[in-house]
C-alpha cells in the first residue's frame, strides 16, 4: 500500500526530467559570461552568408548543427549575423528594466511638475531647473542604456561562437 504513492511521485519526477530536456541555441562571446539563447518557438532574425537582407523565421527544431525553421533549414555555418534584440539573455535584469522605465519615469516627473506648477498652484507655465535636470538625466540614462546594448552578433568575427546545446 505504501509503494503506490512512492511510485507515483517517482513517475512524475522522471516525466518532469524528460519534459525539461530541450535543445537550445547559444550565441556567446568567447571569454565572457554574456550569452544569448534561443529555444524552440522563438523568432530568429538572421542574415545568411551571401545575402544582403535579414530573414525572420520561427524555430521549430534543432538537429545536430542545423536549425529547422518554419520556412527554411539552415546550417550554423551559413549564418553570418544574428539580431539579438529579442533573444533571451543573461544580461542584468536591473539594466533591462532601467532602459525601459527610466525615460518613462523622467518624462512623467517632468509632466507632473508642469501639471502641479500650472494647474494646482495656478502659476504661469515655467520650467524648474532642478526638475528639468533630474528628468533629463533619467531620460538620457535610459536612452544611453538602450543605445549601448548589443543589437547584432557578427559570427564572422572569431570572438563570437554559435552552437546548439542538446540535453537529451
C-alpha atoms as a PDB file:
ATOM      1  CA  UNK A   1       0.000   0.000   0.000  1.00  0.00           C
ATOM      2  CA  UNK A   2       2.801   2.459   0.767  1.00  0.00           C
ATOM      3  CA  UNK A   3       4.548   1.735  -2.529  1.00  0.00           C
ATOM      4  CA  UNK A   4       1.850   3.240  -4.702  1.00  0.00           C
ATOM      5  CA  UNK A   5       2.352   6.930  -3.679  1.00  0.00           C
ATOM      6  CA  UNK A   6       6.123   6.478  -3.913  1.00  0.00           C
ATOM      7  CA  UNK A   7       5.843   5.052  -7.424  1.00  0.00           C
ATOM      8  CA  UNK A   8       3.556   7.899  -8.485  1.00  0.00           C
ATOM      9  CA  UNK A   9       5.981  10.523  -7.166  1.00  0.00           C
ATOM     10  CA  UNK A  10       8.949   8.834  -8.867  1.00  0.00           C
ATOM     11  CA  UNK A  11       6.999   8.555 -12.120  1.00  0.00           C
ATOM     12  CA  UNK A  12       6.119  12.249 -12.062  1.00  0.00           C
ATOM     13  CA  UNK A  13       9.741  13.104 -11.280  1.00  0.00           C
ATOM     14  CA  UNK A  14      11.041  11.217 -14.318  1.00  0.00           C
ATOM     15  CA  UNK A  15       8.354  12.694 -16.570  1.00  0.00           C
ATOM     16  CA  UNK A  16       9.353  16.183 -15.417  1.00  0.00           C
ATOM     17  CA  UNK A  17      13.019  15.464 -16.127  1.00  0.00           C
ATOM     18  CA  UNK A  18      12.297  14.305 -19.667  1.00  0.00           C
ATOM     19  CA  UNK A  19       9.988  17.274 -20.318  1.00  0.00           C
ATOM     20  CA  UNK A  20      12.707  19.801 -19.422  1.00  0.00           C
ATOM     21  CA  UNK A  21      15.361  18.195 -21.621  1.00  0.00           C
ATOM     22  CA  UNK A  22      15.112  20.569 -24.571  1.00  0.00           C
ATOM     23  CA  UNK A  23      17.715  21.647 -27.080  1.00  0.00           C
ATOM     24  CA  UNK A  24      18.512  25.337 -27.448  1.00  0.00           C
ATOM     25  CA  UNK A  25      20.763  27.604 -29.488  1.00  0.00           C
ATOM     26  CA  UNK A  26      23.514  29.606 -27.778  1.00  0.00           C
ATOM     27  CA  UNK A  27      25.348  32.665 -29.118  1.00  0.00           C
ATOM     28  CA  UNK A  28      28.166  33.933 -26.963  1.00  0.00           C
ATOM     29  CA  UNK A  29      31.330  35.974 -26.943  1.00  0.00           C
ATOM     30  CA  UNK A  30      34.310  33.798 -26.107  1.00  0.00           C
ATOM     31  CA  UNK A  31      35.871  34.505 -22.730  1.00  0.00           C
ATOM     32  CA  UNK A  32      32.820  36.229 -21.245  1.00  0.00           C
ATOM     33  CA  UNK A  33      29.700  35.151 -19.421  1.00  0.00           C
ATOM     34  CA  UNK A  34      27.343  37.074 -21.728  1.00  0.00           C
ATOM     35  CA  UNK A  35      25.208  34.749 -23.834  1.00  0.00           C
ATOM     36  CA  UNK A  36      22.050  34.832 -25.906  1.00  0.00           C
ATOM     37  CA  UNK A  37      19.725  31.837 -26.050  1.00  0.00           C
ATOM     38  CA  UNK A  38      17.029  30.738 -28.478  1.00  0.00           C
ATOM     39  CA  UNK A  39      14.639  27.861 -27.828  1.00  0.00           C
ATOM     40  CA  UNK A  40      12.054  26.138 -29.998  1.00  0.00           C
ATOM     41  CA  UNK A  41       9.270  28.621 -30.749  1.00  0.00           C
ATOM     42  CA  UNK A  42      11.485  31.730 -30.579  1.00  0.00           C
ATOM     43  CA  UNK A  43      11.843  34.004 -33.588  1.00  0.00           C
ATOM     44  CA  UNK A  44      15.330  34.103 -35.108  1.00  0.00           C
ATOM     45  CA  UNK A  45      16.335  37.167 -37.142  1.00  0.00           C
ATOM     46  CA  UNK A  46      19.475  36.369 -39.116  1.00  0.00           C
ATOM     47  CA  UNK A  47      21.493  37.242 -42.200  1.00  0.00           C
ATOM     48  CA  UNK A  48      22.710  34.334 -44.264  1.00  0.00           C
ATOM     49  CA  UNK A  49      26.159  34.324 -45.881  1.00  0.00           C
ATOM     50  CA  UNK A  50      25.973  35.747 -49.389  1.00  0.00           C
ATOM     51  CA  UNK A  51      22.690  37.581 -48.709  1.00  0.00           C
ATOM     52  CA  UNK A  52      22.204  41.294 -48.128  1.00  0.00           C
ATOM     53  CA  UNK A  53      18.913  41.202 -46.189  1.00  0.00           C
ATOM     54  CA  UNK A  54      17.856  39.831 -42.817  1.00  0.00           C
ATOM     55  CA  UNK A  55      15.365  36.977 -42.580  1.00  0.00           C
ATOM     56  CA  UNK A  56      12.972  36.432 -39.684  1.00  0.00           C
ATOM     57  CA  UNK A  57      11.622  32.957 -39.034  1.00  0.00           C
ATOM     58  CA  UNK A  58      10.357  30.894 -36.101  1.00  0.00           C
ATOM     59  CA  UNK A  59      12.487  28.000 -34.821  1.00  0.00           C
ATOM     60  CA  UNK A  60      10.701  24.642 -34.911  1.00  0.00           C
ATOM     61  CA  UNK A  61      13.513  22.196 -34.132  1.00  0.00           C
ATOM     62  CA  UNK A  62      17.256  21.707 -33.723  1.00  0.00           C
ATOM     63  CA  UNK A  63      19.147  18.813 -35.303  1.00  0.00           C
ATOM     64  CA  UNK A  64      22.935  18.406 -34.960  1.00  0.00           C
ATOM     65  CA  UNK A  65      24.306  21.664 -36.414  1.00  0.00           C
ATOM     66  CA  UNK A  66      21.099  22.537 -38.265  1.00  0.00           C
ATOM     67  CA  UNK A  67      18.325  24.906 -37.281  1.00  0.00           C
ATOM     68  CA  UNK A  68      14.954  23.856 -38.641  1.00  0.00           C
ATOM     69  CA  UNK A  69      12.781  26.912 -39.143  1.00  0.00           C
ATOM     70  CA  UNK A  70       9.161  27.177 -40.271  1.00  0.00           C
ATOM     71  CA  UNK A  71      10.155  28.136 -43.829  1.00  0.00           C
ATOM     72  CA  UNK A  72      13.823  27.183 -44.039  1.00  0.00           C
ATOM     73  CA  UNK A  73      16.610  24.828 -42.984  1.00  0.00           C
ATOM     74  CA  UNK A  74      19.894  26.497 -42.165  1.00  0.00           C
ATOM     75  CA  UNK A  75      23.282  25.231 -41.031  1.00  0.00           C
ATOM     76  CA  UNK A  76      25.053  27.126 -38.270  1.00  0.00           C
ATOM     77  CA  UNK A  77      27.959  27.777 -40.661  1.00  0.00           C
ATOM     78  CA  UNK A  78      25.608  29.591 -43.071  1.00  0.00           C
ATOM     79  CA  UNK A  79      24.621  32.270 -40.540  1.00  0.00           C
ATOM     80  CA  UNK A  80      26.635  35.481 -40.802  1.00  0.00           C
ATOM     81  CA  UNK A  81      24.850  37.939 -38.467  1.00  0.00           C
ATOM     82  CA  UNK A  82      22.132  37.417 -35.836  1.00  0.00           C
ATOM     83  CA  UNK A  83      19.909  40.196 -34.491  1.00  0.00           C
ATOM     84  CA  UNK A  84      19.831  39.529 -30.708  1.00  0.00           C
ATOM     85  CA  UNK A  85      17.456  42.293 -29.584  1.00  0.00           C
ATOM     86  CA  UNK A  86      14.698  39.825 -28.686  1.00  0.00           C
ATOM     87  CA  UNK A  87      16.844  36.904 -27.527  1.00  0.00           C
ATOM     88  CA  UNK A  88      16.852  35.518 -24.004  1.00  0.00           C
ATOM     89  CA  UNK A  89      19.997  36.802 -22.358  1.00  0.00           C
ATOM     90  CA  UNK A  90      21.770  36.685 -19.027  1.00  0.00           C
ATOM     91  CA  UNK A  91      22.087  40.486 -19.042  1.00  0.00           C
ATOM     92  CA  UNK A  92      21.273  42.038 -15.695  1.00  0.00           C
ATOM     93  CA  UNK A  93      17.543  42.349 -15.041  1.00  0.00           C
ATOM     94  CA  UNK A  94      18.203  45.761 -13.496  1.00  0.00           C
ATOM     95  CA  UNK A  95      19.682  47.096 -16.759  1.00  0.00           C
ATOM     96  CA  UNK A  96      16.858  45.641 -18.860  1.00  0.00           C
ATOM     97  CA  UNK A  97      14.228  47.274 -16.661  1.00  0.00           C
ATOM     98  CA  UNK A  98      16.158  50.556 -16.360  1.00  0.00           C
ATOM     99  CA  UNK A  99      16.427  51.089 -20.118  1.00  0.00           C
ATOM    100  CA  UNK A 100      12.665  50.757 -20.472  1.00  0.00           C
ATOM    101  CA  UNK A 101      11.393  52.621 -17.430  1.00  0.00           C
ATOM    102  CA  UNK A 102      13.922  55.438 -16.854  1.00  0.00           C
ATOM    103  CA  UNK A 103      12.782  57.508 -19.857  1.00  0.00           C
ATOM    104  CA  UNK A 104       9.136  56.967 -18.892  1.00  0.00           C
ATOM    105  CA  UNK A 105       9.751  57.963 -15.275  1.00  0.00           C
ATOM    106  CA  UNK A 106      11.790  61.018 -16.331  1.00  0.00           C
ATOM    107  CA  UNK A 107       9.083  62.195 -18.716  1.00  0.00           C
ATOM    108  CA  UNK A 108       6.417  61.535 -16.088  1.00  0.00           C
ATOM    109  CA  UNK A 109       8.325  63.538 -13.483  1.00  0.00           C
ATOM    110  CA  UNK A 110       8.618  66.498 -15.841  1.00  0.00           C
ATOM    111  CA  UNK A 111       4.939  66.290 -16.804  1.00  0.00           C
ATOM    112  CA  UNK A 112       3.774  66.016 -13.180  1.00  0.00           C
ATOM    113  CA  UNK A 113       5.864  69.023 -12.204  1.00  0.00           C
ATOM    114  CA  UNK A 114       4.343  71.061 -15.017  1.00  0.00           C
ATOM    115  CA  UNK A 115       0.803  69.999 -14.059  1.00  0.00           C
ATOM    116  CA  UNK A 116       1.465  70.790 -10.392  1.00  0.00           C
ATOM    117  CA  UNK A 117       3.011  74.172 -11.181  1.00  0.00           C
ATOM    118  CA  UNK A 118       0.361  75.388 -13.634  1.00  0.00           C
ATOM    119  CA  UNK A 119      -2.940  73.732 -12.725  1.00  0.00           C
ATOM    120  CA  UNK A 120      -2.629  73.148  -8.983  1.00  0.00           C
ATOM    121  CA  UNK A 121      -0.607  76.208  -7.953  1.00  0.00           C
ATOM    122  CA  UNK A 122      -2.063  78.473 -10.664  1.00  0.00           C
ATOM    123  CA  UNK A 123       1.311  79.798 -11.860  1.00  0.00           C
ATOM    124  CA  UNK A 124       2.291  80.602 -15.433  1.00  0.00           C
ATOM    125  CA  UNK A 125       3.974  77.879 -17.473  1.00  0.00           C
ATOM    126  CA  UNK A 126       7.625  77.726 -16.402  1.00  0.00           C
ATOM    127  CA  UNK A 127      10.314  75.088 -16.146  1.00  0.00           C
ATOM    128  CA  UNK A 128      12.050  74.484 -12.831  1.00  0.00           C
ATOM    129  CA  UNK A 129      15.762  73.931 -13.288  1.00  0.00           C
ATOM    130  CA  UNK A 130      16.091  71.084 -10.766  1.00  0.00           C
ATOM    131  CA  UNK A 131      13.192  69.101 -12.207  1.00  0.00           C
ATOM    132  CA  UNK A 132      14.416  69.631 -15.772  1.00  0.00           C
ATOM    133  CA  UNK A 133      17.923  68.408 -14.899  1.00  0.00           C
ATOM    134  CA  UNK A 134      16.633  65.373 -12.998  1.00  0.00           C
ATOM    135  CA  UNK A 135      14.128  64.309 -15.639  1.00  0.00           C
ATOM    136  CA  UNK A 136      16.659  64.953 -18.432  1.00  0.00           C
ATOM    137  CA  UNK A 137      19.233  62.799 -16.643  1.00  0.00           C
ATOM    138  CA  UNK A 138      16.719  59.974 -16.259  1.00  0.00           C
ATOM    139  CA  UNK A 139      15.671  60.134 -19.912  1.00  0.00           C
ATOM    140  CA  UNK A 140      19.278  60.395 -21.101  1.00  0.00           C
ATOM    141  CA  UNK A 141      20.436  57.481 -18.953  1.00  0.00           C
ATOM    142  CA  UNK A 142      17.627  55.234 -20.175  1.00  0.00           C
ATOM    143  CA  UNK A 143      18.302  56.084 -23.810  1.00  0.00           C
ATOM    144  CA  UNK A 144      22.068  55.608 -23.333  1.00  0.00           C
ATOM    145  CA  UNK A 145      21.490  52.161 -21.824  1.00  0.00           C
ATOM    146  CA  UNK A 146      19.330  51.248 -24.805  1.00  0.00           C
ATOM    147  CA  UNK A 147      21.936  52.534 -27.272  1.00  0.00           C
ATOM    148  CA  UNK A 148      24.799  50.714 -25.515  1.00  0.00           C
ATOM    149  CA  UNK A 149      23.071  47.323 -25.618  1.00  0.00           C
ATOM    150  CA  UNK A 150      24.326  44.875 -28.248  1.00  0.00           C
ATOM    151  CA  UNK A 151      21.895  44.590 -31.122  1.00  0.00           C
ATOM    152  CA  UNK A 152      23.634  42.237 -33.545  1.00  0.00           C
ATOM    153  CA  UNK A 153      26.204  39.474 -33.275  1.00  0.00           C
ATOM    154  CA  UNK A 154      28.572  39.153 -36.230  1.00  0.00           C
ATOM    155  CA  UNK A 155      29.557  35.489 -36.447  1.00  0.00           C
ATOM    156  CA  UNK A 156      32.315  36.185 -38.981  1.00  0.00           C
ATOM    157  CA  UNK A 157      34.195  37.740 -36.056  1.00  0.00           C
ATOM    158  CA  UNK A 158      36.211  34.953 -34.359  1.00  0.00           C
ATOM    159  CA  UNK A 159      35.359  36.389 -30.916  1.00  0.00           C
ATOM    160  CA  UNK A 160      31.818  35.010 -31.198  1.00  0.00           C
ATOM    161  CA  UNK A 161      30.605  31.442 -31.389  1.00  0.00           C
ATOM    162  CA  UNK A 162      27.299  29.726 -32.037  1.00  0.00           C
ATOM    163  CA  UNK A 163      26.348  26.199 -31.028  1.00  0.00           C
ATOM    164  CA  UNK A 164      23.383  24.019 -30.155  1.00  0.00           C
ATOM    165  CA  UNK A 165      23.088  22.534 -26.675  1.00  0.00           C
ATOM    166  CA  UNK A 166      21.186  19.243 -26.713  1.00  0.00           C
ATOM    167  CA  UNK A 167      20.307  17.906 -23.263  1.00  0.00           C
ATOM    168  CA  UNK A 168      18.937  14.582 -24.453  1.00  0.00           C
END
